[in-house]
Amino acid sequence: MSVLQIVIAALPFLLSLMSRTSKAIAPCLLASIFTVLLGSEPHRAAMTWCVGVLIAAVAVRERLRAI
């Protein structure tokens, strides 16, 4: 995998760092790791990446909502 692919795979984890609580960090980190590990199987990698982004998006939305 190239560096750009790894950065895109780590996007859920990076988004979860912006959340208000740390509850979303662990699942997003696992989703990012599984995305990198499943890089040879694009459909499974895309599914885990989407789940991670969904978790991170909800966490960031809750932080923005609290402001």
Protein backbone atom coordinates (compact mmCIF):
# COMPACT_ATOMS: atom_id res chain seq x y z
CA MET A 1 0.00 0.00 0.00
CA SER A 2 1.17 3.50 -0.73
CA VAL A 3 1.33 6.26 1.86
CA LEU A 4 -1.77 7.93 0.43
CA GLN A 5 -3.77 4.72 0.78
CA ILE A 6 -2.67 4.31 4.38
CA VAL A 7 -3.63 7.92 5.18
CA ILE A 8 -7.06 7.38 3.63
CA ALA A 9 -7.44 4.13 5.57
CA ALA A 10 -6.52 5.97 8.79
CA LEU A 11 -9.11 8.69 8.18
CA PRO A 12 -11.69 7.22 10.61
CA PHE A 13 -9.10 7.18 13.38
CA LEU A 14 -7.97 10.71 12.62
CA LEU A 15 -11.58 11.95 12.64
CA SER A 16 -12.29 10.20 15.92
CA LEU A 17 -9.44 12.14 17.55
CA MET A 18 -11.60 15.24 17.08
CA SER A 19 -14.48 13.77 19.06
CA ARG A 20 -15.42 15.01 22.50
CA THR A 21 -15.10 11.68 24.29
CA SER A 22 -12.63 8.90 23.79
CA LYS A 23 -15.28 6.22 23.32
CA ALA A 24 -15.05 6.36 19.52
CA ILE A 25 -11.27 6.19 19.28
CA ALA A 26 -10.85 2.44 19.86
CA PRO A 27 -13.49 1.25 17.35
CA CYS A 28 -12.21 3.68 14.73
CA LEU A 29 -8.64 2.56 15.31
CA LEU A 30 -9.71 -1.06 14.84
CA ALA A 31 -11.60 -0.16 11.69
CA SER A 32 -8.54 1.60 10.30
CA ILE A 33 -6.29 -1.35 11.11
CA PHE A 34 -8.71 -3.81 9.50
CA THR A 35 -8.95 -1.56 6.45
CA VAL A 36 -5.18 -1.71 6.00
CA LEU A 37 -5.09 -5.46 6.61
CA LEU A 38 -7.94 -6.11 4.17
CA GLY A 39 -6.43 -3.88 1.49
CA SER A 40 -6.07 -6.83 -0.86
CA GLU A 41 -9.85 -7.44 -0.67
CA PRO A 42 -11.39 -4.11 -1.74
CA HIS A 43 -15.03 -4.90 -0.89
CA ARG A 44 -14.27 -5.92 2.69
CA ALA A 45 -11.84 -3.05 3.17
CA ALA A 46 -14.43 -0.56 1.93
CA MET A 47 -17.03 -1.97 4.29
CA THR A 48 -14.80 -1.65 7.36
CA TRP A 49 -13.70 1.83 6.27
CA CYS A 50 -17.33 2.96 5.90
CA VAL A 51 -18.21 1.63 9.34
CA GLY A 52 -15.24 3.47 10.85
CA VAL A 53 -16.12 6.72 9.10
CA LEU A 54 -19.73 6.39 10.26
CA ILE A 55 -18.66 5.96 13.89
CA ALA A 56 -16.25 8.89 13.64
CA ALA A 57 -18.81 11.11 11.92
CA VAL A 58 -21.35 10.52 14.68
CA ALA A 59 -18.74 11.29 17.34
CA VAL A 60 -17.67 14.51 15.62
CA ARG A 61 -21.29 15.53 15.09
CA GLU A 62 -21.97 15.08 18.81
CA ARG A 63 -18.98 17.27 19.61
CA LEU A 64 -20.16 20.01 17.25
CA ARG A 65 -23.67 19.72 18.63
CA ALA A 66 -22.41 20.31 22.18
CA ILE A 67 -20.75 23.57 21.21
